[in-house]
C-alpha atoms as a PDB file:
ATOM      1  CA  MET A   1      99.917-159.048 -10.545  1.00  0.00           C
ATOM      2  CA  LYS A   2      97.004-159.940 -12.855  1.00  0.00           C
ATOM      3  CA  LEU A   3      97.857-162.046 -15.670  1.00  0.00           C
ATOM      4  CA  THR A   4      94.459-162.579 -17.405  1.00  0.00           C
ATOM      5  CA  ALA A   5      91.035-161.839 -16.984  1.00  0.00           C
ATOM      6  CA  VAL A   6      87.917-165.073 -16.446  1.00  0.00           C
ATOM      7  CA  ALA A   7      85.186-164.404 -17.913  1.00  0.00           C
ATOM      8  CA  PRO A   8      82.168-166.015 -15.879  1.00  0.00           C
ATOM      9  CA  VAL A   9      79.824-168.316 -17.583  1.00  0.00           C
ATOM     10  CA  THR A  10      76.358-166.879 -16.922  1.00  0.00           C
ATOM     11  CA  ALA A  11      72.971-168.310 -17.751  1.00  0.00           C
ATOM     12  CA  GLY A  12      72.699-165.744 -20.011  1.00  0.00           C
ATOM     13  CA  THR A  13      75.590-166.673 -21.446  1.00  0.00           C
ATOM     14  CA  VAL A  14      74.175-170.117 -22.212  1.00  0.00           C
ATOM     15  CA  ARG A  15      71.506-168.862 -24.026  1.00  0.00           C
ATOM     16  CA  ASP A  16      73.901-166.236 -26.228  1.00  0.00           C
ATOM     17  CA  ALA A  17      75.917-169.557 -27.107  1.00  0.00           C
ATOM     18  CA  MET A  18      72.815-171.422 -27.429  1.00  0.00           C
ATOM     19  CA  ALA A  19      71.662-168.599 -30.078  1.00  0.00           C
ATOM     20  CA  ILE A  20      74.613-168.197 -31.722  1.00  0.00           C
ATOM     21  CA  GLY A  21      74.953-172.152 -31.937  1.00  0.00           C
ATOM     22  CA  LEU A  22      71.715-171.721 -33.753  1.00  0.00           C
ATOM     23  CA  ARG A  23      72.451-169.511 -36.155  1.00  0.00           C
ATOM     24  CA  TYR A  24      75.937-169.828 -37.442  1.00  0.00           C
ATOM     25  CA  GLY A  25      75.801-173.758 -37.692  1.00  0.00           C
ATOM     26  CA  ILE A  26      78.293-174.272 -35.390  1.00  0.00           C
ATOM     27  CA  ASN A  27      78.702-176.934 -32.051  1.00  0.00           C
ATOM     28  CA  HIS A  28      77.443-175.563 -28.371  1.00  0.00           C
ATOM     29  CA  TRP A  29      81.328-175.517 -27.000  1.00  0.00           C
ATOM     30  CA  ASP A  30      82.442-173.324 -30.014  1.00  0.00           C
ATOM     31  CA  ALA A  31      79.292-170.784 -29.770  1.00  0.00           C
ATOM     32  CA  LEU A  32      79.778-170.692 -25.834  1.00  0.00           C
ATOM     33  CA  ILE A  33      83.322-169.747 -26.444  1.00  0.00           C
ATOM     34  CA  VAL A  34      81.902-166.925 -28.951  1.00  0.00           C
ATOM     35  CA  ALA A  35      79.394-165.693 -26.448  1.00  0.00           C
ATOM     36  CA  ALA A  36      81.905-165.317 -23.381  1.00  0.00           C
ATOM     37  CA  ALA A  37      84.549-163.676 -26.180  1.00  0.00           C
ATOM     38  CA  ILE A  38      81.307-161.073 -27.175  1.00  0.00           C
ATOM     39  CA  ASP A  39      79.798-160.692 -23.707  1.00  0.00           C
ATOM     40  CA  SER A  40      83.910-159.760 -22.605  1.00  0.00           C
ATOM     41  CA  GLY A  41      83.705-157.383 -25.495  1.00  0.00           C
ATOM     42  CA  CYS A  42      86.466-158.861 -27.168  1.00  0.00           C
ATOM     43  CA  ASP A  43      87.006-157.976 -31.092  1.00  0.00           C
ATOM     44  CA  ILE A  44      89.138-160.897 -31.637  1.00  0.00           C
ATOM     45  CA  LEU A  45      88.988-164.593 -30.981  1.00  0.00           C
ATOM     46  CA  TYR A  46      92.239-166.468 -32.042  1.00  0.00           C
ATOM     47  CA  SER A  47      91.361-170.204 -32.882  1.00  0.00           C
ATOM     48  CA  GLU A  48      92.909-172.754 -35.435  1.00  0.00           C
ATOM     49  CA  ASP A  49      89.423-174.547 -35.192  1.00  0.00           C
ATOM     50  CA  MET A  50      86.821-172.161 -36.036  1.00  0.00           C
ATOM     51  CA  GLN A  51      86.941-171.053 -39.818  1.00  0.00           C
ATOM     52  CA  HIS A  52      89.740-168.151 -40.117  1.00  0.00           C
ATOM     53  CA  GLY A  53      88.081-164.787 -41.108  1.00  0.00           C
ATOM     54  CA  GLN A  54      84.405-165.617 -40.085  1.00  0.00           C
ATOM     55  CA  ILE A  55      82.685-162.697 -37.851  1.00  0.00           C
ATOM     56  CA  PHE A  56      80.453-163.439 -35.425  1.00  0.00           C
ATOM     57  CA  ASP A  57      77.458-160.597 -34.964  1.00  0.00           C
ATOM     58  CA  ASP A  58      79.629-157.449 -36.912  1.00  0.00           C
ATOM     59  CA  ARG A  59      82.485-156.974 -33.652  1.00  0.00           C
ATOM     60  CA  LEU A  60      84.171-160.523 -33.194  1.00  0.00           C
ATOM     61  CA  THR A  61      86.103-161.748 -35.869  1.00  0.00           C
ATOM     62  CA  VAL A  62      87.788-165.355 -35.589  1.00  0.00           C
ATOM     63  CA  VAL A  63      91.604-165.418 -36.757  1.00  0.00           C
ATOM     64  CA  ASN A  64      93.479-168.738 -37.450  1.00  0.00           C
ATOM     65  CA  PRO A  65      97.453-167.911 -35.676  1.00  0.00           C
ATOM     66  CA  PHE A  66      98.787-170.413 -38.133  1.00  0.00           C
ATOM     67  CA  THR A  67      97.168-168.821 -41.470  1.00  0.00           C
END
């Protein structure tokens, strides 16, 4: 039984993360999470560490599950 999918971190993911980090002013590790989520086709990223409601690349929305 498969419970979850794991997104590989490729050279392209790292390049995308670097661009996202510069564009949105977020740290590298958060940008890597965002890039992996976008590459995986996610629409929502649940995080208590990022700004609730922030939208990345017009397709990924951050939702704080504690808000």
